[in-house]
Amino acid sequence: MKTFCVKVVVKLKPSVPDSKGESLKNTIESLFLVQNLTCRVGTWYNFKFDAENQADALNLVKKIAYELLTNEFAEDFEIRSMEE
């Protein structure tokens, strides 16, 4: 068994309005006089677990992301890193 450390980022699909991102954008623009700011909000997760190999680890993380972390209609996920 090997220990894997994985980072997963979940964010809204580009076609889905991001009310938190819009609120943050408006606050930043008003407080710091920033113009033409784009802001999207997401969530990241770190996992550390044992698996036989990298393929098994990847399959487990994908299953977790599809079944628990994301709403398939509104969100996408990205595996940002996977280290042994």
N, C-alpha and C. Protein backbone atom coordinates (compact mmCIF):
# COMPACT_ATOMS: atom_id res chain seq x y z
N MET A 1 0.84 -1.19 0.00
CA MET A 1 0.00 0.00 0.00
C MET A 1 0.88 1.25 0.00
N LYS A 2 0.40 2.25 -0.69
CA LYS A 2 1.07 3.54 -0.73
C LYS A 2 0.11 4.58 -0.17
N THR A 3 0.66 5.64 0.41
CA THR A 3 -0.16 6.74 0.92
C THR A 3 -0.18 7.84 -0.13
N PHE A 4 -1.38 8.31 -0.45
CA PHE A 4 -1.55 9.37 -1.44
C PHE A 4 -2.14 10.60 -0.79
N CYS A 5 -1.64 11.76 -1.21
CA CYS A 5 -2.19 13.05 -0.81
C CYS A 5 -2.80 13.67 -2.06
N VAL A 6 -4.07 14.03 -1.97
CA VAL A 6 -4.80 14.51 -3.14
C VAL A 6 -5.51 15.81 -2.81
N LYS A 7 -5.46 16.76 -3.75
CA LYS A 7 -6.19 18.01 -3.61
C LYS A 7 -7.23 18.07 -4.72
N VAL A 8 -8.49 18.32 -4.34
CA VAL A 8 -9.60 18.41 -5.29
C VAL A 8 -10.22 19.79 -5.15
N VAL A 9 -10.46 20.46 -6.28
CA VAL A 9 -11.11 21.76 -6.29
C VAL A 9 -12.48 21.60 -6.94
N VAL A 10 -13.52 22.10 -6.28
CA VAL A 10 -14.88 22.06 -6.80
C VAL A 10 -15.31 23.50 -7.04
N LYS A 11 -15.83 23.76 -8.23
CA LYS A 11 -16.31 25.11 -8.53
C LYS A 11 -17.53 25.04 -9.44
N LEU A 12 -18.28 26.12 -9.46
CA LEU A 12 -19.47 26.18 -10.30
C LEU A 12 -19.08 26.13 -11.76
N LYS A 13 -19.93 25.52 -12.57
CA LYS A 13 -19.72 25.52 -14.02
C LYS A 13 -19.81 26.96 -14.51
N PRO A 14 -19.10 27.30 -15.58
CA PRO A 14 -19.11 28.68 -16.08
C PRO A 14 -20.51 29.21 -16.41
N SER A 15 -21.41 28.34 -16.77
CA SER A 15 -22.76 28.77 -17.14
C SER A 15 -23.67 29.04 -15.94
N VAL A 16 -23.21 28.70 -14.74
CA VAL A 16 -24.02 28.85 -13.52
C VAL A 16 -23.64 30.17 -12.84
N PRO A 17 -24.64 31.02 -12.54
CA PRO A 17 -24.35 32.28 -11.84
C PRO A 17 -23.73 32.01 -10.46
N ASP A 18 -22.76 32.82 -10.09
CA ASP A 18 -22.05 32.66 -8.83
C ASP A 18 -22.36 33.86 -7.94
N SER A 19 -23.37 33.75 -7.10
CA SER A 19 -23.79 34.88 -6.26
C SER A 19 -22.72 35.23 -5.22
N LYS A 20 -22.04 34.23 -4.67
CA LYS A 20 -20.97 34.52 -3.71
C LYS A 20 -19.81 35.24 -4.40
N GLY A 21 -19.46 34.78 -5.58
CA GLY A 21 -18.40 35.42 -6.34
C GLY A 21 -18.76 36.84 -6.72
N GLU A 22 -20.01 37.07 -7.10
CA GLU A 22 -20.45 38.41 -7.47
C GLU A 22 -20.43 39.34 -6.26
N SER A 23 -20.87 38.85 -5.11
CA SER A 23 -20.84 39.65 -3.88
C SER A 23 -19.41 40.00 -3.49
N LEU A 24 -18.51 39.03 -3.56
CA LEU A 24 -17.11 39.27 -3.26
C LEU A 24 -16.51 40.28 -4.23
N LYS A 25 -16.83 40.13 -5.50
CA LYS A 25 -16.35 41.05 -6.55
C LYS A 25 -16.76 42.48 -6.23
N ASN A 26 -18.04 42.67 -5.90
CA ASN A 26 -18.54 44.02 -5.60
C ASN A 26 -17.84 44.62 -4.39
N THR A 27 -17.60 43.80 -3.38
CA THR A 27 -16.91 44.29 -2.17
C THR A 27 -15.48 44.67 -2.48
N ILE A 28 -14.77 43.83 -3.19
CA ILE A 28 -13.37 44.12 -3.55
C ILE A 28 -13.29 45.39 -4.38
N GLU A 29 -14.17 45.51 -5.38
CA GLU A 29 -14.14 46.69 -6.24
C GLU A 29 -14.40 47.97 -5.46
N SER A 30 -15.31 47.90 -4.47
CA SER A 30 -15.62 49.12 -3.72
C SER A 30 -14.54 49.45 -2.68
N LEU A 31 -13.94 48.45 -2.07
CA LEU A 31 -12.93 48.71 -1.04
C LEU A 31 -11.55 49.03 -1.60
N PHE A 32 -11.20 48.42 -2.72
CA PHE A 32 -9.84 48.55 -3.23
C PHE A 32 -9.76 49.23 -4.59
N LEU A 33 -10.87 49.78 -5.05
CA LEU A 33 -10.92 50.51 -6.32
C LEU A 33 -10.37 49.70 -7.49
N VAL A 34 -10.69 48.43 -7.51
CA VAL A 34 -10.30 47.54 -8.60
C VAL A 34 -11.39 47.59 -9.65
N GLN A 35 -11.00 47.61 -10.92
CA GLN A 35 -11.97 47.63 -12.00
C GLN A 35 -11.86 46.38 -12.85
N ASN A 36 -12.97 46.00 -13.46
CA ASN A 36 -13.02 44.85 -14.38
C ASN A 36 -12.56 43.55 -13.73
N LEU A 37 -12.93 43.37 -12.48
CA LEU A 37 -12.55 42.17 -11.73
C LEU A 37 -13.51 41.02 -12.04
N THR A 38 -12.99 39.85 -12.23
CA THR A 38 -13.80 38.64 -12.32
C THR A 38 -13.51 37.82 -11.06
N CYS A 39 -14.55 37.32 -10.45
CA CYS A 39 -14.37 36.57 -9.21
C CYS A 39 -15.33 35.38 -9.19
N ARG A 40 -14.81 34.18 -9.06
CA ARG A 40 -15.60 32.96 -8.92
C ARG A 40 -15.15 32.27 -7.65
N VAL A 41 -16.09 31.74 -6.90
CA VAL A 41 -15.79 31.11 -5.62
C VAL A 41 -15.85 29.60 -5.77
N GLY A 42 -14.94 28.90 -5.14
CA GLY A 42 -14.93 27.44 -5.17
C GLY A 42 -14.53 26.90 -3.81
N THR A 43 -14.43 25.59 -3.73
CA THR A 43 -14.06 24.92 -2.50
C THR A 43 -12.97 23.90 -2.81
N TRP A 44 -11.99 23.78 -1.94
CA TRP A 44 -10.98 22.75 -2.15
C TRP A 44 -10.97 21.79 -0.98
N TYR A 45 -10.59 20.55 -1.31
CA TYR A 45 -10.55 19.47 -0.34
C TYR A 45 -9.19 18.80 -0.42
N ASN A 46 -8.63 18.46 0.72
CA ASN A 46 -7.39 17.68 0.78
C ASN A 46 -7.71 16.31 1.38
N PHE A 47 -7.22 15.27 0.75
CA PHE A 47 -7.41 13.90 1.23
C PHE A 47 -6.05 13.24 1.38
N LYS A 48 -5.92 12.40 2.37
CA LYS A 48 -4.73 11.57 2.53
C LYS A 48 -5.23 10.17 2.87
N PHE A 49 -4.84 9.19 2.07
CA PHE A 49 -5.34 7.83 2.26
C PHE A 49 -4.39 6.83 1.63
N ASP A 50 -4.59 5.56 1.95
CA ASP A 50 -3.79 4.47 1.38
C ASP A 50 -4.54 3.81 0.23
N ALA A 51 -3.77 3.47 -0.81
CA ALA A 51 -4.31 2.72 -1.95
C ALA A 51 -3.19 1.85 -2.52
N GLU A 52 -3.59 0.84 -3.27
CA GLU A 52 -2.61 -0.08 -3.86
C GLU A 52 -1.69 0.63 -4.85
N ASN A 53 -2.27 1.52 -5.67
CA ASN A 53 -1.50 2.20 -6.70
C ASN A 53 -2.20 3.51 -7.08
N GLN A 54 -1.57 4.27 -7.97
CA GLN A 54 -2.10 5.58 -8.34
C GLN A 54 -3.44 5.47 -9.08
N ALA A 55 -3.61 4.45 -9.89
CA ALA A 55 -4.87 4.28 -10.62
C ALA A 55 -6.03 4.05 -9.65
N ASP A 56 -5.81 3.21 -8.64
CA ASP A 56 -6.85 2.98 -7.63
C ASP A 56 -7.15 4.25 -6.84
N ALA A 57 -6.11 4.99 -6.51
CA ALA A 57 -6.29 6.25 -5.78
C ALA A 57 -7.10 7.24 -6.61
N LEU A 58 -6.76 7.35 -7.87
CA LEU A 58 -7.48 8.26 -8.77
C LEU A 58 -8.94 7.86 -8.91
N ASN A 59 -9.20 6.58 -9.08
CA ASN A 59 -10.58 6.12 -9.19
C ASN A 59 -11.38 6.41 -7.94
N LEU A 60 -10.78 6.23 -6.77
CA LEU A 60 -11.47 6.52 -5.52
C LEU A 60 -11.80 8.01 -5.41
N VAL A 61 -10.83 8.86 -5.72
CA VAL A 61 -11.06 10.31 -5.62
C VAL A 61 -12.15 10.76 -6.60
N LYS A 62 -12.14 10.22 -7.80
CA LYS A 62 -13.19 10.57 -8.77
C LYS A 62 -14.56 10.15 -8.26
N LYS A 63 -14.64 8.96 -7.68
CA LYS A 63 -15.92 8.48 -7.15
C LYS A 63 -16.40 9.38 -6.02
N ILE A 64 -15.50 9.74 -5.12
CA ILE A 64 -15.85 10.65 -4.02
C ILE A 64 -16.36 11.98 -4.58
N ALA A 65 -15.63 12.52 -5.54
CA ALA A 65 -16.01 13.82 -6.11
C ALA A 65 -17.36 13.76 -6.81
N TYR A 66 -17.59 12.74 -7.63
CA TYR A 66 -18.87 12.60 -8.34
C TYR A 66 -20.03 12.38 -7.39
N GLU A 67 -19.84 11.52 -6.39
CA GLU A 67 -20.96 11.11 -5.55
C GLU A 67 -21.20 11.99 -4.32
N LEU A 68 -20.15 12.65 -3.82
CA LEU A 68 -20.30 13.40 -2.58
C LEU A 68 -20.00 14.89 -2.67
N LEU A 69 -19.04 15.28 -3.48
CA LEU A 69 -18.57 16.66 -3.43
C LEU A 69 -19.26 17.60 -4.41
N THR A 70 -19.77 17.08 -5.51
CA THR A 70 -20.31 17.96 -6.55
C THR A 70 -21.77 17.68 -6.87
N ASN A 71 -22.42 18.71 -7.35
CA ASN A 71 -23.73 18.60 -7.97
C ASN A 71 -23.46 18.59 -9.47
N GLU A 72 -23.67 17.47 -10.13
CA GLU A 72 -23.27 17.32 -11.52
C GLU A 72 -23.90 18.32 -12.47
N PHE A 73 -25.01 18.92 -12.07
CA PHE A 73 -25.70 19.88 -12.94
C PHE A 73 -25.11 21.28 -12.82
N ALA A 74 -24.49 21.59 -11.68
CA ALA A 74 -24.03 22.95 -11.44
C ALA A 74 -22.53 23.08 -11.21
N GLU A 75 -21.86 21.98 -10.87
CA GLU A 75 -20.46 22.09 -10.47
C GLU A 75 -19.56 21.12 -11.23
N ASP A 76 -18.31 21.51 -11.36
CA ASP A 76 -17.25 20.67 -11.90
C ASP A 76 -16.21 20.48 -10.81
N PHE A 77 -15.40 19.45 -10.97
CA PHE A 77 -14.27 19.29 -10.05
C PHE A 77 -13.01 19.08 -10.86
N GLU A 78 -11.90 19.38 -10.20
CA GLU A 78 -10.59 19.23 -10.82
C GLU A 78 -9.65 18.65 -9.77
N ILE A 79 -8.94 17.62 -10.14
CA ILE A 79 -7.92 17.05 -9.24
C ILE A 79 -6.65 17.83 -9.52
N ARG A 80 -6.25 18.64 -8.54
CA ARG A 80 -5.13 19.55 -8.73
C ARG A 80 -3.78 18.89 -8.48
N SER A 81 -3.74 17.94 -7.56
CA SER A 81 -2.48 17.27 -7.30
C SER A 81 -2.74 15.90 -6.69
N MET A 82 -1.82 15.00 -6.98
CA MET A 82 -1.87 13.66 -6.40
C MET A 82 -0.43 13.23 -6.19
N GLU A 83 -0.04 13.15 -4.94
CA GLU A 83 1.34 12.81 -4.61
C GLU A 83 1.40 11.56 -3.75
N GLU A 84 2.42 10.77 -3.96
CA GLU A 84 2.65 9.58 -3.11
C GLU A 84 3.44 10.00 -1.90
